[in-house]
Amino acid sequence: MRIPLATMLFAFSALAAAAAGPYDESADARAAIRIAQAQAQGSKVPILVVFGANWCSDCRALELAFKDGSSAPLIAKNFKVVKVDVGRNDRNIDIAESYGVPLNNGIPAVAVLSEQGKVIYVTRAGELSGAVAAGDKGIYRFFAKVVTQRQ
C-alpha cells in the first residue's frame, strides 16, 4: 500500500510544480543548445537535452526529480541541462529528429550530447515516458545508468 501512495504523492507533487511549467514555450531551442555547448566546451560535461512539454505529467515529474529529488545532485554534477518544448508534437520536432530522438515513443525524451554536439546517448523506447510511475528512485536509477555508460 505504501508504494502506490508514494507514487500518487510524487505524481501530485510533479503536477503542482511550477505553475508555468518547466519548459519555456517561447525559447529558441537551437540557441539554448548552442549556448549550452559553449558553456560545456572544455568542461567534459555533456549536454542533456530534455524534450518535453508543460502539459505532460511525466515531464513535470522529471523536472521535480531534477530540482528536488535524489537525481538532482547527479544531474547537476554530470550534465548541462537544456529543456526543449515540443508543444503538442508541433514544436522543435526537427531538433529531436536531428539527434535521433523518436518522440512518438513518448515524452520526456532525452539526448545526451558531447560538448562538441555529438550524440552520445538517446532514449529510443520511451524510457522516461513513465516518470510518474517510476518515481524518484526509478528516475535516479535511469540517469545513474546513463552516467555509468558514458564513463
Protein backbone atom coordinates (compact mmCIF):
# COMPACT_ATOMS: atom_id res chain seq x y z
CA MET A 1 0.00 0.00 0.00
CA ARG A 2 2.94 2.35 0.60
CA ILE A 3 4.25 2.12 -2.95
CA PRO A 4 1.00 3.26 -4.65
CA LEU A 5 0.59 6.07 -2.11
CA ALA A 6 4.18 7.22 -2.63
CA THR A 7 3.68 7.13 -6.40
CA MET A 8 0.48 9.17 -6.09
CA LEU A 9 2.20 11.73 -3.86
CA PHE A 10 5.12 12.01 -6.29
CA ALA A 11 2.68 12.47 -9.18
CA PHE A 12 0.74 15.12 -7.29
CA SER A 13 3.95 16.95 -6.43
CA ALA A 14 5.00 16.85 -10.06
CA LEU A 15 1.69 18.30 -11.17
CA ALA A 16 1.87 21.03 -8.57
CA ALA A 17 5.44 22.03 -9.51
CA ALA A 18 5.96 25.43 -11.13
CA ALA A 19 2.64 26.77 -12.37
CA ALA A 20 4.15 27.97 -15.64
CA GLY A 21 5.86 24.64 -16.18
CA PRO A 22 9.45 23.61 -16.74
CA TYR A 23 9.52 24.30 -20.49
CA ASP A 24 9.83 27.80 -21.91
CA GLU A 25 7.39 27.67 -24.79
CA SER A 26 8.84 30.79 -26.39
CA ALA A 27 12.51 29.82 -26.11
CA ASP A 28 14.76 29.47 -29.14
CA ALA A 29 15.78 25.86 -28.55
CA ARG A 30 18.60 25.88 -31.09
CA ALA A 31 20.11 28.96 -29.45
CA ALA A 32 19.77 27.39 -25.99
CA ILE A 33 21.62 24.29 -27.18
CA ARG A 34 24.37 26.41 -28.77
CA ILE A 35 24.78 28.35 -25.51
CA ALA A 36 24.99 25.10 -23.53
CA GLN A 37 27.64 23.81 -25.95
CA ALA A 38 29.68 26.98 -25.50
CA GLN A 39 29.41 26.67 -21.71
CA ALA A 40 30.33 22.97 -21.85
CA GLN A 41 33.44 23.45 -24.02
CA GLY A 42 36.45 22.08 -22.22
CA SER A 43 34.46 21.03 -19.18
CA LYS A 44 33.96 17.45 -20.36
CA VAL A 45 30.41 17.74 -19.06
CA PRO A 46 27.91 16.55 -21.64
CA ILE A 47 24.69 18.35 -22.52
CA LEU A 48 21.44 16.71 -21.52
CA VAL A 49 18.74 17.87 -23.94
CA VAL A 50 15.33 17.09 -22.44
CA PHE A 51 12.39 17.12 -24.85
CA GLY A 52 9.02 17.58 -23.20
CA ALA A 53 6.00 19.80 -22.66
CA ASN A 54 4.32 21.64 -19.82
CA TRP A 55 1.06 19.66 -20.18
CA CYS A 56 2.93 16.35 -19.65
CA SER A 57 2.75 14.96 -16.09
CA ASP A 58 5.78 12.73 -16.70
CA CYS A 59 7.76 15.78 -17.85
CA ARG A 60 6.80 17.60 -14.66
CA ALA A 61 7.78 14.57 -12.58
CA LEU A 62 11.19 14.54 -14.26
CA GLU A 63 11.60 18.25 -13.57
CA LEU A 64 10.75 17.71 -9.90
CA ALA A 65 13.33 14.92 -9.70
CA PHE A 66 15.93 17.21 -11.29
CA LYS A 67 15.20 20.00 -8.81
CA ASP A 68 14.46 18.29 -5.51
CA GLY A 69 14.83 14.55 -5.94
CA SER A 70 17.72 12.19 -5.40
CA SER A 71 18.62 12.76 -9.07
CA ALA A 72 19.27 16.48 -8.54
CA PRO A 73 22.95 16.21 -7.45
CA LEU A 74 23.64 13.51 -10.05
CA ILE A 75 22.22 15.66 -12.86
CA ALA A 76 23.91 18.86 -11.64
CA LYS A 77 27.31 17.16 -11.44
CA ASN A 78 27.18 15.22 -14.70
CA PHE A 79 25.20 17.32 -17.19
CA LYS A 80 24.47 20.76 -18.54
CA VAL A 81 20.68 20.62 -18.96
CA VAL A 82 18.70 22.20 -21.79
CA LYS A 83 14.92 21.80 -21.85
CA VAL A 84 13.24 21.86 -25.26
CA ASP A 85 9.49 22.35 -25.52
CA VAL A 86 7.80 20.11 -28.09
CA GLY A 87 4.32 21.55 -27.54
CA ARG A 88 1.74 19.08 -28.75
CA ASN A 89 4.19 17.48 -31.15
CA ASP A 90 4.26 20.71 -33.13
CA ARG A 91 7.44 22.44 -31.87
CA ASN A 92 11.11 21.64 -32.21
CA ILE A 93 10.39 18.22 -33.66
CA ASP A 94 13.14 18.75 -36.21
CA ILE A 95 15.68 19.17 -33.40
CA ALA A 96 14.64 15.89 -31.79
CA GLU A 97 14.82 14.16 -35.18
CA SER A 98 18.28 15.58 -35.85
CA TYR A 99 19.52 13.79 -32.70
CA GLY A 100 17.62 10.58 -33.47
CA VAL A 101 15.10 11.04 -30.65
CA PRO A 102 11.80 9.31 -31.55
CA LEU A 103 9.22 11.50 -29.79
CA ASN A 104 6.41 9.21 -30.92
CA ASN A 105 7.61 6.76 -28.24
CA GLY A 106 6.71 9.27 -25.52
CA ILE A 107 7.99 12.26 -23.62
CA PRO A 108 10.01 13.21 -21.79
CA ALA A 109 12.77 12.01 -24.04
CA VAL A 110 16.45 12.90 -23.88
CA ALA A 111 19.56 13.16 -25.96
CA VAL A 112 22.97 13.37 -24.34
CA LEU A 113 25.46 15.35 -26.41
CA SER A 114 29.18 15.77 -26.09
CA GLU A 115 30.41 19.34 -25.57
CA GLN A 116 31.05 19.34 -29.33
CA GLY A 117 27.41 18.44 -30.00
CA LYS A 118 27.87 14.79 -30.99
CA VAL A 119 25.15 12.40 -29.85
CA ILE A 120 26.34 10.13 -27.04
CA TYR A 121 23.02 8.64 -25.92
CA VAL A 122 19.35 8.85 -26.88
CA THR A 123 16.19 7.46 -25.31
CA ARG A 124 14.70 5.40 -28.11
CA ALA A 125 11.96 3.39 -26.43
CA GLY A 126 10.15 5.93 -24.26
CA GLU A 127 12.33 5.11 -21.27
CA LEU A 128 11.26 8.24 -19.37
CA SER A 129 7.65 8.43 -20.54
CA GLY A 130 6.65 6.64 -17.34
CA ALA A 131 8.47 9.02 -14.99
CA VAL A 132 5.48 9.40 -12.68
CA ALA A 133 5.19 5.64 -12.21
CA ALA A 134 8.99 5.22 -11.91
CA GLY A 135 9.12 7.81 -9.17
CA ASP A 136 12.21 9.49 -7.83
CA LYS A 137 14.13 6.24 -7.33
CA GLY A 138 13.41 4.96 -10.83
CA ILE A 139 14.47 8.27 -12.38
CA TYR A 140 17.68 8.20 -10.35
CA ARG A 141 18.44 4.61 -11.42
CA PHE A 142 17.89 5.55 -15.07
CA PHE A 143 20.29 8.51 -15.00
CA ALA A 144 22.87 6.69 -12.86
CA LYS A 145 22.94 4.03 -15.59
CA VAL A 146 23.33 6.69 -18.32
CA VAL A 147 26.21 8.29 -16.40
CA THR A 148 27.90 4.92 -15.92
CA GLN A 149 27.52 4.02 -19.61
CA ARG A 150 29.19 7.20 -20.77
CA GLN A 151 32.25 6.82 -18.49
